[in-house]
Amino acid sequence: MNTKFRSFVVVSLIGMVISLVSNVYSDTLYCDNSSRRYNEHFFQVINDSPSGNGYHNSETIKVFNDDTGQNFRVFCIDYYMPTTPEFNNPLIGQEYDAMALNSPSMTLYTQIQKDALNSFFSHVYSTIYDINGDIINDADAYFYQLVVWEIIHETSGTWDISSGTSGITNAYTYDDPVNRTSGGNSGGALDTNYYNTTVSTINS
């Protein structure tokens, strides 16, 4: 990873890293499970039929690149695709190919989406994460992933986290995320207050 830009990286869990740098490369990344926090907050995503109950973890992941010795923060693009066991294994890891967001061959997103991602990362990232991907603003860190999803998946023409073709309709908080099942268990409960706080913060 380029040291100067290591913080500005978005990771798709379908085998590709999208970065805000201009180079293309392939690296093996390892999930840093020590960065996982308690409690965990899940959000029910609008128009989410593939996963059944529609709840997805908004927590981002801190990863380690053993080729460069660097840690940084990554963000999920496709919320239907989980990480692989290899990615979560500190002895194996998973290789990702990187492509610059502003590359002419990056045709997955419109220019409006690219500009929004660039603007969001440029203005907000450093207020939530440090250069090593560690969290410096705990409350807002949960919201960051939701904004990335909104920019990527919204097709209505208006970015509103609580309406449109993308966004969230509910929040679920797990007191015991290790033993949870997606969508709820005895260790978690619907969290209307957290949902309202999330919507207010992101849309403001």
N, C-alpha and C. Protein backbone atom coordinates (compact mmCIF):
# COMPACT_ATOMS: atom_id res chain seq x y z
N MET A 1 0.84 -1.19 0.00
CA MET A 1 0.00 0.00 0.00
C MET A 1 0.88 1.25 0.00
N ASN A 2 0.47 2.22 -0.72
CA ASN A 2 1.16 3.49 -0.73
C ASN A 2 0.98 4.16 0.63
N THR A 3 2.08 4.44 1.31
CA THR A 3 2.01 4.97 2.67
C THR A 3 1.20 6.25 2.74
N LYS A 4 1.38 7.13 1.80
CA LYS A 4 0.72 8.43 1.85
C LYS A 4 -0.80 8.30 1.80
N PHE A 5 -1.29 7.29 1.09
CA PHE A 5 -2.72 7.18 0.86
C PHE A 5 -3.34 5.96 1.53
N ARG A 6 -2.64 5.34 2.47
CA ARG A 6 -3.14 4.07 2.99
C ARG A 6 -4.50 4.19 3.68
N SER A 7 -4.83 5.38 4.19
CA SER A 7 -6.11 5.55 4.87
C SER A 7 -7.28 5.63 3.90
N PHE A 8 -7.03 6.04 2.67
CA PHE A 8 -8.11 6.30 1.74
C PHE A 8 -8.37 5.09 0.86
N VAL A 9 -8.93 4.07 1.47
CA VAL A 9 -9.16 2.82 0.77
C VAL A 9 -10.55 2.30 1.09
N VAL A 10 -11.25 1.88 0.06
CA VAL A 10 -12.53 1.22 0.25
C VAL A 10 -12.37 -0.21 -0.22
N VAL A 11 -12.79 -1.18 0.57
CA VAL A 11 -12.64 -2.57 0.19
C VAL A 11 -13.97 -3.20 -0.15
N SER A 12 -14.03 -3.85 -1.30
CA SER A 12 -15.19 -4.66 -1.66
C SER A 12 -14.92 -6.08 -1.20
N LEU A 13 -15.91 -6.72 -0.62
CA LEU A 13 -15.74 -8.08 -0.16
C LEU A 13 -16.06 -9.08 -1.27
N ILE A 14 -15.88 -8.67 -2.50
CA ILE A 14 -16.05 -9.58 -3.62
C ILE A 14 -14.74 -9.66 -4.40
N GLY A 15 -13.65 -9.36 -3.74
CA GLY A 15 -12.34 -9.61 -4.31
C GLY A 15 -11.62 -8.44 -4.92
N MET A 16 -12.06 -7.23 -4.66
CA MET A 16 -11.36 -6.10 -5.25
C MET A 16 -11.28 -4.96 -4.24
N VAL A 17 -10.16 -4.30 -4.23
CA VAL A 17 -9.99 -3.10 -3.43
C VAL A 17 -10.10 -1.90 -4.35
N ILE A 18 -10.88 -0.92 -3.94
CA ILE A 18 -10.96 0.33 -4.69
C ILE A 18 -10.29 1.41 -3.87
N SER A 19 -9.29 2.03 -4.43
CA SER A 19 -8.54 3.02 -3.67
C SER A 19 -8.65 4.39 -4.32
N LEU A 20 -8.29 5.38 -3.56
CA LEU A 20 -8.31 6.74 -4.09
C LEU A 20 -6.94 7.14 -4.61
N VAL A 21 -6.05 6.17 -4.76
CA VAL A 21 -4.73 6.44 -5.31
C VAL A 21 -4.74 6.08 -6.79
N SER A 22 -3.68 6.42 -7.48
CA SER A 22 -3.67 6.25 -8.93
C SER A 22 -3.00 4.96 -9.40
N ASN A 23 -2.45 4.19 -8.49
CA ASN A 23 -1.77 2.97 -8.89
C ASN A 23 -2.69 1.76 -8.79
N VAL A 24 -2.32 0.70 -9.49
CA VAL A 24 -3.04 -0.57 -9.44
C VAL A 24 -2.08 -1.61 -8.91
N TYR A 25 -2.53 -2.41 -7.96
CA TYR A 25 -1.63 -3.36 -7.34
C TYR A 25 -2.43 -4.51 -6.73
N SER A 26 -1.74 -5.52 -6.27
CA SER A 26 -2.37 -6.66 -5.61
C SER A 26 -1.60 -6.94 -4.33
N ASP A 27 -2.32 -7.08 -3.24
CA ASP A 27 -1.70 -7.32 -1.95
C ASP A 27 -2.53 -8.32 -1.15
N THR A 28 -1.86 -9.00 -0.22
CA THR A 28 -2.55 -9.89 0.70
C THR A 28 -2.87 -9.13 1.97
N LEU A 29 -4.15 -9.12 2.34
CA LEU A 29 -4.60 -8.39 3.52
C LEU A 29 -5.12 -9.37 4.57
N TYR A 30 -4.98 -8.99 5.82
CA TYR A 30 -5.42 -9.80 6.94
C TYR A 30 -6.33 -8.96 7.84
N CYS A 31 -7.44 -9.54 8.24
CA CYS A 31 -8.34 -8.84 9.14
C CYS A 31 -7.71 -8.73 10.52
N ASP A 32 -7.78 -7.55 11.11
CA ASP A 32 -7.31 -7.34 12.47
C ASP A 32 -8.51 -7.46 13.42
N ASN A 33 -8.78 -8.68 13.89
CA ASN A 33 -9.96 -8.93 14.72
C ASN A 33 -9.88 -8.24 16.07
N SER A 34 -8.71 -7.79 16.45
CA SER A 34 -8.57 -7.12 17.74
C SER A 34 -9.27 -5.76 17.75
N SER A 35 -9.62 -5.26 16.55
CA SER A 35 -10.26 -3.95 16.48
C SER A 35 -11.77 -4.03 16.63
N ARG A 36 -12.33 -5.23 16.72
CA ARG A 36 -13.78 -5.38 16.86
C ARG A 36 -14.24 -4.88 18.21
N ARG A 37 -15.42 -4.22 18.22
CA ARG A 37 -15.87 -3.56 19.44
C ARG A 37 -17.18 -4.15 19.97
N TYR A 38 -17.45 -3.86 21.20
CA TYR A 38 -18.72 -4.19 21.85
C TYR A 38 -19.32 -2.89 22.36
N ASN A 39 -20.55 -2.58 22.15
CA ASN A 39 -21.56 -3.36 21.46
C ASN A 39 -21.40 -3.28 19.94
N GLU A 40 -22.16 -4.13 19.24
CA GLU A 40 -22.21 -4.06 17.78
C GLU A 40 -23.58 -3.56 17.37
N HIS A 41 -23.60 -2.75 16.32
CA HIS A 41 -24.86 -2.21 15.82
C HIS A 41 -25.10 -2.70 14.40
N PHE A 42 -26.28 -3.30 14.21
CA PHE A 42 -26.71 -3.72 12.89
C PHE A 42 -27.85 -2.82 12.44
N PHE A 43 -27.98 -2.65 11.12
CA PHE A 43 -29.05 -1.82 10.58
C PHE A 43 -29.80 -2.59 9.51
N GLN A 44 -31.11 -2.43 9.50
CA GLN A 44 -31.94 -3.08 8.50
C GLN A 44 -31.93 -2.22 7.23
N VAL A 45 -31.50 -2.83 6.13
CA VAL A 45 -31.28 -2.10 4.89
C VAL A 45 -32.54 -2.14 4.02
N ILE A 46 -32.90 -1.00 3.47
CA ILE A 46 -34.05 -0.89 2.58
C ILE A 46 -33.84 -1.75 1.33
N ASN A 47 -34.90 -2.42 0.91
CA ASN A 47 -34.90 -3.25 -0.31
C ASN A 47 -33.84 -4.34 -0.27
N ASP A 48 -33.62 -4.91 0.90
CA ASP A 48 -32.63 -5.98 1.02
C ASP A 48 -33.36 -7.32 1.08
N SER A 49 -33.48 -7.98 -0.04
CA SER A 49 -34.14 -9.29 -0.05
C SER A 49 -33.18 -10.47 -0.02
N PRO A 50 -31.96 -10.37 -0.59
CA PRO A 50 -31.08 -11.54 -0.60
C PRO A 50 -30.74 -12.10 0.77
N SER A 51 -30.63 -11.25 1.79
CA SER A 51 -30.22 -11.75 3.10
C SER A 51 -31.40 -12.14 3.98
N GLY A 52 -32.61 -11.94 3.51
CA GLY A 52 -33.76 -12.37 4.30
C GLY A 52 -34.24 -11.29 5.25
N ASN A 53 -33.56 -11.16 6.39
CA ASN A 53 -34.03 -10.20 7.39
C ASN A 53 -33.48 -8.80 7.18
N GLY A 54 -32.49 -8.64 6.33
CA GLY A 54 -32.03 -7.32 5.95
C GLY A 54 -31.09 -6.63 6.91
N TYR A 55 -30.63 -7.30 7.97
CA TYR A 55 -29.75 -6.64 8.93
C TYR A 55 -28.28 -6.83 8.56
N HIS A 56 -27.54 -5.73 8.59
CA HIS A 56 -26.11 -5.78 8.27
C HIS A 56 -25.32 -4.98 9.29
N ASN A 57 -24.15 -5.49 9.61
CA ASN A 57 -23.27 -4.84 10.57
C ASN A 57 -22.64 -3.61 9.93
N SER A 58 -22.75 -2.48 10.59
CA SER A 58 -22.18 -1.25 10.04
C SER A 58 -20.72 -1.06 10.42
N GLU A 59 -20.18 -1.97 11.21
CA GLU A 59 -18.79 -1.84 11.66
C GLU A 59 -17.84 -2.00 10.50
N THR A 60 -16.85 -1.13 10.40
CA THR A 60 -15.81 -1.28 9.39
C THR A 60 -14.72 -2.19 9.95
N ILE A 61 -13.78 -2.55 9.10
CA ILE A 61 -12.75 -3.50 9.48
C ILE A 61 -11.37 -2.86 9.41
N LYS A 62 -10.56 -3.14 10.38
CA LYS A 62 -9.16 -2.73 10.33
C LYS A 62 -8.37 -3.92 9.80
N VAL A 63 -7.49 -3.66 8.83
CA VAL A 63 -6.73 -4.75 8.23
C VAL A 63 -5.23 -4.49 8.35
N PHE A 64 -4.47 -5.56 8.12
CA PHE A 64 -3.02 -5.51 8.19
C PHE A 64 -2.46 -6.02 6.87
N ASN A 65 -1.48 -5.32 6.34
CA ASN A 65 -0.79 -5.74 5.13
C ASN A 65 0.63 -6.14 5.52
N ASP A 66 0.92 -7.44 5.49
CA ASP A 66 2.23 -7.88 5.98
C ASP A 66 3.36 -7.58 5.00
N ASP A 67 3.01 -7.23 3.75
CA ASP A 67 4.04 -6.85 2.79
C ASP A 67 4.64 -5.49 3.12
N THR A 68 3.80 -4.63 3.70
CA THR A 68 4.25 -3.27 3.98
C THR A 68 4.31 -2.98 5.48
N GLY A 69 3.70 -3.86 6.29
CA GLY A 69 3.66 -3.64 7.73
C GLY A 69 2.67 -2.57 8.15
N GLN A 70 1.73 -2.23 7.28
CA GLN A 70 0.80 -1.14 7.55
C GLN A 70 -0.58 -1.64 7.97
N ASN A 71 -1.22 -0.87 8.83
CA ASN A 71 -2.61 -1.09 9.21
C ASN A 71 -3.44 0.05 8.64
N PHE A 72 -4.67 -0.24 8.24
CA PHE A 72 -5.56 0.80 7.76
C PHE A 72 -7.00 0.29 7.83
N ARG A 73 -7.94 1.17 7.60
CA ARG A 73 -9.37 0.87 7.72
C ARG A 73 -9.98 0.57 6.36
N VAL A 74 -10.84 -0.44 6.29
CA VAL A 74 -11.49 -0.79 5.03
C VAL A 74 -13.01 -0.77 5.22
N PHE A 75 -13.73 -0.66 4.11
CA PHE A 75 -15.18 -0.52 4.14
C PHE A 75 -15.82 -1.47 3.15
N CYS A 76 -16.90 -2.09 3.54
CA CYS A 76 -17.61 -3.04 2.70
C CYS A 76 -18.38 -2.31 1.61
N ILE A 77 -18.37 -2.85 0.41
CA ILE A 77 -19.15 -2.30 -0.68
C ILE A 77 -20.40 -3.15 -0.92
N ASP A 78 -20.23 -4.45 -0.99
CA ASP A 78 -21.36 -5.36 -1.22
C ASP A 78 -21.77 -5.99 0.10
N TYR A 79 -22.91 -5.55 0.67
CA TYR A 79 -23.27 -6.07 1.98
C TYR A 79 -23.88 -7.46 1.95
N TYR A 80 -23.95 -8.09 0.77
CA TYR A 80 -24.42 -9.47 0.68
C TYR A 80 -23.26 -10.47 0.77
N MET A 81 -22.03 -9.99 0.65
CA MET A 81 -20.89 -10.89 0.60
C MET A 81 -20.07 -10.81 1.88
N PRO A 82 -19.97 -11.92 2.64
CA PRO A 82 -19.17 -11.92 3.87
C PRO A 82 -17.69 -12.08 3.55
N THR A 83 -16.87 -11.78 4.53
CA THR A 83 -15.44 -12.04 4.37
C THR A 83 -15.21 -13.55 4.41
N THR A 84 -14.10 -13.99 3.85
CA THR A 84 -13.77 -15.41 3.83
C THR A 84 -13.04 -15.81 5.11
N PRO A 85 -13.06 -17.10 5.46
CA PRO A 85 -12.30 -17.54 6.63
C PRO A 85 -10.82 -17.21 6.52
N GLU A 86 -10.27 -17.26 5.30
CA GLU A 86 -8.86 -16.95 5.10
C GLU A 86 -8.56 -15.50 5.46
N PHE A 87 -9.46 -14.59 5.08
CA PHE A 87 -9.27 -13.18 5.36
C PHE A 87 -9.22 -12.93 6.87
N ASN A 88 -10.00 -13.70 7.61
CA ASN A 88 -10.06 -13.55 9.06
C ASN A 88 -8.99 -14.35 9.80
N ASN A 89 -8.17 -15.08 9.05
CA ASN A 89 -7.11 -15.88 9.64
C ASN A 89 -5.79 -15.12 9.52
N PRO A 90 -5.18 -14.72 10.66
CA PRO A 90 -3.96 -13.92 10.62
C PRO A 90 -2.76 -14.65 10.01
N LEU A 91 -2.90 -15.96 9.77
CA LEU A 91 -1.80 -16.73 9.19
C LEU A 91 -1.96 -16.95 7.69
N ILE A 92 -3.16 -16.64 7.15
CA ILE A 92 -3.42 -16.91 5.74
C ILE A 92 -3.71 -15.62 4.97
N GLY A 93 -4.74 -14.91 5.39
CA GLY A 93 -5.10 -13.67 4.70
C GLY A 93 -5.73 -13.92 3.35
N GLN A 94 -6.05 -12.86 2.63
CA GLN A 94 -6.67 -12.96 1.32
C GLN A 94 -6.12 -11.88 0.41
N GLU A 95 -5.85 -12.26 -0.84
CA GLU A 95 -5.30 -11.30 -1.79
C GLU A 95 -6.40 -10.46 -2.41
N TYR A 96 -6.17 -9.16 -2.49
CA TYR A 96 -7.10 -8.24 -3.13
C TYR A 96 -6.38 -7.46 -4.21
N ASP A 97 -7.07 -7.26 -5.32
CA ASP A 97 -6.55 -6.40 -6.37
C ASP A 97 -7.09 -5.00 -6.15
N ALA A 98 -6.24 -4.02 -6.33
CA ALA A 98 -6.63 -2.62 -6.11
C ALA A 98 -6.72 -1.88 -7.44
N MET A 99 -7.72 -1.02 -7.51
CA MET A 99 -7.88 -0.17 -8.69
C MET A 99 -8.26 1.22 -8.22
N ALA A 100 -7.64 2.22 -8.81
CA ALA A 100 -7.91 3.60 -8.40
C ALA A 100 -9.35 3.98 -8.74
N LEU A 101 -9.98 4.68 -7.81
CA LEU A 101 -11.35 5.12 -8.02
C LEU A 101 -11.46 6.05 -9.22
N ASN A 102 -10.42 6.85 -9.45
CA ASN A 102 -10.46 7.81 -10.57
C ASN A 102 -9.84 7.25 -11.85
N SER A 103 -9.58 5.94 -11.88
CA SER A 103 -9.02 5.33 -13.08
C SER A 103 -10.08 5.26 -14.18
N PRO A 104 -9.72 5.49 -15.45
CA PRO A 104 -10.67 5.39 -16.56
C PRO A 104 -11.30 4.00 -16.66
N SER A 105 -10.57 2.98 -16.20
CA SER A 105 -11.10 1.62 -16.27
C SER A 105 -12.02 1.28 -15.11
N MET A 106 -12.14 2.20 -14.14
CA MET A 106 -13.06 1.99 -13.04
C MET A 106 -14.45 2.45 -13.48
N THR A 107 -15.24 1.50 -13.97
CA THR A 107 -16.55 1.84 -14.53
C THR A 107 -17.70 1.33 -13.66
N LEU A 108 -17.40 0.87 -12.46
CA LEU A 108 -18.45 0.36 -11.58
C LEU A 108 -19.36 1.47 -11.08
N TYR A 109 -18.83 2.71 -11.01
CA TYR A 109 -19.58 3.80 -10.41
C TYR A 109 -19.65 5.00 -11.34
N THR A 110 -20.69 5.78 -11.16
CA THR A 110 -20.83 7.00 -11.93
C THR A 110 -19.86 8.05 -11.42
N GLN A 111 -19.67 9.10 -12.19
CA GLN A 111 -18.78 10.17 -11.75
C GLN A 111 -19.33 10.86 -10.51
N ILE A 112 -20.66 10.93 -10.41
CA ILE A 112 -21.28 11.53 -9.22
C ILE A 112 -20.92 10.72 -7.98
N GLN A 113 -20.98 9.39 -8.09
CA GLN A 113 -20.63 8.53 -6.96
C GLN A 113 -19.15 8.66 -6.61
N LYS A 114 -18.31 8.70 -7.64
CA LYS A 114 -16.87 8.84 -7.40
C LYS A 114 -16.55 10.15 -6.70
N ASP A 115 -17.16 11.23 -7.17
CA ASP A 115 -16.92 12.53 -6.56
C ASP A 115 -17.41 12.56 -5.12
N ALA A 116 -18.56 11.92 -4.87
CA ALA A 116 -19.12 11.88 -3.51
C ALA A 116 -18.22 11.10 -2.58
N LEU A 117 -17.71 9.96 -3.03
CA LEU A 117 -16.80 9.16 -2.20
C LEU A 117 -15.52 9.93 -1.92
N ASN A 118 -14.97 10.54 -2.96
CA ASN A 118 -13.75 11.34 -2.77
C ASN A 118 -13.97 12.47 -1.78
N SER A 119 -15.08 13.18 -1.92
CA SER A 119 -15.38 14.30 -1.04
C SER A 119 -15.60 13.83 0.38
N PHE A 120 -16.34 12.74 0.54
CA PHE A 120 -16.64 12.23 1.87
C PHE A 120 -15.37 11.80 2.58
N PHE A 121 -14.53 11.02 1.90
CA PHE A 121 -13.29 10.57 2.52
C PHE A 121 -12.36 11.73 2.83
N SER A 122 -12.30 12.69 1.93
CA SER A 122 -11.38 13.81 2.12
C SER A 122 -11.77 14.69 3.31
N HIS A 123 -13.07 14.85 3.53
CA HIS A 123 -13.52 15.79 4.55
C HIS A 123 -13.86 15.14 5.89
N VAL A 124 -14.17 13.85 5.89
CA VAL A 124 -14.69 13.23 7.11
C VAL A 124 -13.76 12.19 7.72
N TYR A 125 -13.02 11.47 6.88
CA TYR A 125 -12.25 10.34 7.37
C TYR A 125 -11.35 10.71 8.55
N SER A 126 -10.59 11.77 8.42
CA SER A 126 -9.59 12.11 9.45
C SER A 126 -10.21 12.56 10.76
N THR A 127 -11.53 12.82 10.77
CA THR A 127 -12.19 13.18 12.02
C THR A 127 -12.66 11.94 12.77
N ILE A 128 -12.59 10.77 12.12
CA ILE A 128 -13.10 9.52 12.73
C ILE A 128 -11.99 8.51 12.94
N TYR A 129 -11.05 8.42 11.98
CA TYR A 129 -9.96 7.43 12.06
C TYR A 129 -8.61 8.14 11.96
N ASP A 130 -7.60 7.55 12.62
CA ASP A 130 -6.25 8.10 12.48
C ASP A 130 -5.54 7.44 11.30
N ILE A 131 -4.27 7.75 11.07
CA ILE A 131 -3.55 7.25 9.90
C ILE A 131 -3.31 5.75 9.95
N ASN A 132 -3.49 5.14 11.13
CA ASN A 132 -3.33 3.69 11.25
C ASN A 132 -4.67 2.97 11.21
N GLY A 133 -5.75 3.70 10.94
CA GLY A 133 -7.06 3.08 10.89
C GLY A 133 -7.70 2.87 12.24
N ASP A 134 -7.11 3.41 13.31
CA ASP A 134 -7.71 3.30 14.63
C ASP A 134 -8.77 4.37 14.82
N ILE A 135 -9.79 4.03 15.59
CA ILE A 135 -10.93 4.92 15.77
C ILE A 135 -10.62 6.02 16.78
N ILE A 136 -10.89 7.26 16.39
CA ILE A 136 -10.70 8.37 17.32
C ILE A 136 -12.04 9.04 17.65
N ASN A 137 -13.11 8.64 16.94
CA ASN A 137 -14.45 9.13 17.23
C ASN A 137 -15.39 7.93 17.21
N ASP A 138 -15.60 7.33 18.36
CA ASP A 138 -16.30 6.05 18.45
C ASP A 138 -17.73 6.13 17.94
N ALA A 139 -18.45 7.19 18.28
CA ALA A 139 -19.86 7.27 17.91
C ALA A 139 -20.04 7.33 16.40
N ASP A 140 -19.28 8.19 15.74
CA ASP A 140 -19.46 8.38 14.31
C ASP A 140 -18.90 7.23 13.47
N ALA A 141 -18.02 6.41 14.05
CA ALA A 141 -17.40 5.32 13.30
C ALA A 141 -18.45 4.34 12.78
N TYR A 142 -19.50 4.11 13.54
CA TYR A 142 -20.55 3.20 13.10
C TYR A 142 -21.31 3.75 11.90
N PHE A 143 -21.37 5.07 11.78
CA PHE A 143 -22.15 5.68 10.72
C PHE A 143 -21.40 5.71 9.39
N TYR A 144 -20.08 5.64 9.44
CA TYR A 144 -19.26 5.83 8.25
C TYR A 144 -19.61 4.81 7.17
N GLN A 145 -19.71 3.53 7.57
CA GLN A 145 -20.02 2.48 6.61
C GLN A 145 -21.37 2.71 5.94
N LEU A 146 -22.35 3.20 6.69
CA LEU A 146 -23.67 3.43 6.13
C LEU A 146 -23.64 4.50 5.03
N VAL A 147 -22.81 5.51 5.21
CA VAL A 147 -22.70 6.55 4.18
C VAL A 147 -22.09 5.99 2.91
N VAL A 148 -21.08 5.13 3.05
CA VAL A 148 -20.47 4.49 1.88
C VAL A 148 -21.52 3.68 1.13
N TRP A 149 -22.30 2.88 1.86
CA TRP A 149 -23.37 2.10 1.21
C TRP A 149 -24.39 3.00 0.52
N GLU A 150 -24.76 4.09 1.17
CA GLU A 150 -25.75 5.00 0.60
C GLU A 150 -25.25 5.58 -0.73
N ILE A 151 -24.01 6.01 -0.77
CA ILE A 151 -23.45 6.58 -1.99
C ILE A 151 -23.41 5.55 -3.11
N ILE A 152 -23.07 4.33 -2.78
CA ILE A 152 -22.88 3.28 -3.79
C ILE A 152 -24.20 2.70 -4.29
N HIS A 153 -25.17 2.51 -3.38
CA HIS A 153 -26.38 1.76 -3.73
C HIS A 153 -27.61 2.61 -4.02
N GLU A 154 -27.61 3.88 -3.64
CA GLU A 154 -28.79 4.70 -3.84
C GLU A 154 -28.98 5.05 -5.32
N THR A 155 -30.19 4.83 -5.83
CA THR A 155 -30.48 5.12 -7.24
C THR A 155 -31.61 6.13 -7.41
N SER A 156 -32.15 6.64 -6.31
CA SER A 156 -33.30 7.54 -6.41
C SER A 156 -32.91 8.97 -6.81
N GLY A 157 -31.62 9.28 -6.75
CA GLY A 157 -31.18 10.62 -7.09
C GLY A 157 -31.01 11.53 -5.89
N THR A 158 -31.45 11.07 -4.72
CA THR A 158 -31.33 11.86 -3.49
C THR A 158 -30.71 11.00 -2.40
N TRP A 159 -29.68 11.51 -1.75
CA TRP A 159 -29.06 10.77 -0.66
C TRP A 159 -29.75 11.12 0.65
N ASP A 160 -30.53 10.16 1.11
CA ASP A 160 -31.24 10.27 2.39
C ASP A 160 -31.15 8.90 3.03
N ILE A 161 -30.52 8.81 4.19
CA ILE A 161 -30.23 7.51 4.80
C ILE A 161 -31.49 6.77 5.24
N SER A 162 -32.63 7.45 5.32
CA SER A 162 -33.84 6.80 5.81
C SER A 162 -34.91 6.60 4.74
N SER A 163 -34.58 6.88 3.46
CA SER A 163 -35.58 6.70 2.41
C SER A 163 -34.89 6.48 1.08
N GLY A 164 -35.69 6.24 0.03
CA GLY A 164 -35.14 6.00 -1.29
C GLY A 164 -35.01 4.53 -1.58
N THR A 165 -34.15 4.19 -2.54
CA THR A 165 -33.93 2.79 -2.89
C THR A 165 -32.88 2.14 -2.03
N SER A 166 -32.17 2.94 -1.24
CA SER A 166 -31.17 2.43 -0.31
C SER A 166 -31.31 3.20 0.99
N GLY A 167 -30.67 2.70 2.04
CA GLY A 167 -30.76 3.35 3.34
C GLY A 167 -31.11 2.34 4.42
N ILE A 168 -31.54 2.82 5.56
CA ILE A 168 -31.85 1.94 6.68
C ILE A 168 -33.23 2.25 7.26
N THR A 169 -33.85 1.24 7.84
CA THR A 169 -35.18 1.40 8.43
C THR A 169 -35.23 1.05 9.91
N ASN A 170 -34.17 0.47 10.44
CA ASN A 170 -34.18 0.08 11.84
C ASN A 170 -32.75 -0.19 12.30
N ALA A 171 -32.57 -0.24 13.61
CA ALA A 171 -31.27 -0.57 14.20
C ALA A 171 -31.43 -1.71 15.19
N TYR A 172 -30.40 -2.52 15.29
CA TYR A 172 -30.38 -3.65 16.22
C TYR A 172 -29.04 -3.63 16.93
N THR A 173 -29.05 -3.65 18.23
CA THR A 173 -27.81 -3.61 19.00
C THR A 173 -27.57 -4.94 19.69
N TYR A 174 -26.37 -5.48 19.54
CA TYR A 174 -25.99 -6.74 20.17
C TYR A 174 -25.09 -6.49 21.37
N ASP A 175 -25.49 -6.99 22.49
CA ASP A 175 -24.63 -6.94 23.67
C ASP A 175 -23.54 -7.99 23.58
N ASP A 176 -23.81 -9.08 22.84
CA ASP A 176 -22.88 -10.19 22.70
C ASP A 176 -22.72 -10.53 21.23
N PRO A 177 -21.92 -9.77 20.48
CA PRO A 177 -21.81 -9.98 19.05
C PRO A 177 -21.15 -11.29 18.66
N VAL A 178 -20.35 -11.88 19.54
CA VAL A 178 -19.66 -13.12 19.21
C VAL A 178 -20.65 -14.26 19.02
N ASN A 179 -21.70 -14.31 19.85
CA ASN A 179 -22.64 -15.41 19.81
C ASN A 179 -23.94 -15.07 19.10
N ARG A 180 -23.97 -13.96 18.39
CA ARG A 180 -25.19 -13.53 17.72
C ARG A 180 -25.47 -14.37 16.48
N THR A 181 -26.73 -14.28 16.01
CA THR A 181 -27.07 -14.71 14.67
C THR A 181 -27.62 -13.47 13.96
N SER A 182 -27.41 -13.36 12.66
CA SER A 182 -27.77 -12.16 11.95
C SER A 182 -29.26 -11.85 12.11
N GLY A 183 -29.56 -10.66 12.56
CA GLY A 183 -30.95 -10.25 12.72
C GLY A 183 -31.45 -10.31 14.14
N GLY A 184 -30.75 -10.97 15.02
CA GLY A 184 -31.21 -10.93 16.41
C GLY A 184 -30.99 -12.22 17.18
N ASN A 185 -30.76 -12.13 18.44
CA ASN A 185 -30.72 -13.27 19.36
C ASN A 185 -30.97 -12.76 20.76
N SER A 186 -30.78 -13.62 21.74
CA SER A 186 -31.08 -13.23 23.11
C SER A 186 -30.16 -12.13 23.62
N GLY A 187 -29.05 -11.92 22.92
CA GLY A 187 -28.11 -10.91 23.38
C GLY A 187 -28.31 -9.55 22.75
N GLY A 188 -29.36 -9.40 21.93
CA GLY A 188 -29.56 -8.14 21.25
C GLY A 188 -31.00 -7.70 21.29
N ALA A 189 -31.24 -6.46 20.91
CA ALA A 189 -32.60 -5.93 20.92
C ALA A 189 -32.73 -4.80 19.92
N LEU A 190 -33.95 -4.60 19.43
CA LEU A 190 -34.22 -3.45 18.57
C LEU A 190 -33.86 -2.18 19.32
N ASP A 191 -33.27 -1.23 18.61
CA ASP A 191 -32.74 -0.03 19.26
C ASP A 191 -33.24 1.20 18.49
N THR A 192 -34.46 1.61 18.78
CA THR A 192 -35.06 2.74 18.08
C THR A 192 -34.31 4.04 18.32
N ASN A 193 -33.86 4.23 19.54
CA ASN A 193 -33.13 5.46 19.87
C ASN A 193 -31.85 5.56 19.05
N TYR A 194 -31.13 4.45 18.92
CA TYR A 194 -29.89 4.48 18.15
C TYR A 194 -30.17 4.72 16.67
N TYR A 195 -31.24 4.13 16.17
CA TYR A 195 -31.63 4.35 14.78
C TYR A 195 -31.92 5.84 14.54
N ASN A 196 -32.69 6.46 15.43
CA ASN A 196 -33.03 7.87 15.28
C ASN A 196 -31.79 8.76 15.34
N THR A 197 -30.86 8.42 16.22
CA THR A 197 -29.61 9.16 16.32
C THR A 197 -28.80 9.03 15.03
N THR A 198 -28.77 7.83 14.50
CA THR A 198 -28.03 7.57 13.25
C THR A 198 -28.58 8.40 12.11
N VAL A 199 -29.89 8.35 11.91
CA VAL A 199 -30.53 9.08 10.82
C VAL A 199 -30.30 10.58 10.96
N SER A 200 -30.46 11.09 12.17
CA SER A 200 -30.27 12.52 12.41
C SER A 200 -28.84 12.95 12.12
N THR A 201 -27.87 12.15 12.56
CA THR A 201 -26.46 12.49 12.40
C THR A 201 -26.04 12.47 10.94
N ILE A 202 -26.43 11.41 10.22
CA ILE A 202 -25.99 11.26 8.83
C ILE A 202 -26.68 12.26 7.92
N ASN A 203 -27.94 12.51 8.14
CA ASN A 203 -28.68 13.39 7.25
C ASN A 203 -28.46 14.88 7.53
N SER A 204 -27.82 15.17 8.66
CA SER A 204 -27.63 16.58 9.01
C SER A 204 -26.50 17.24 8.21
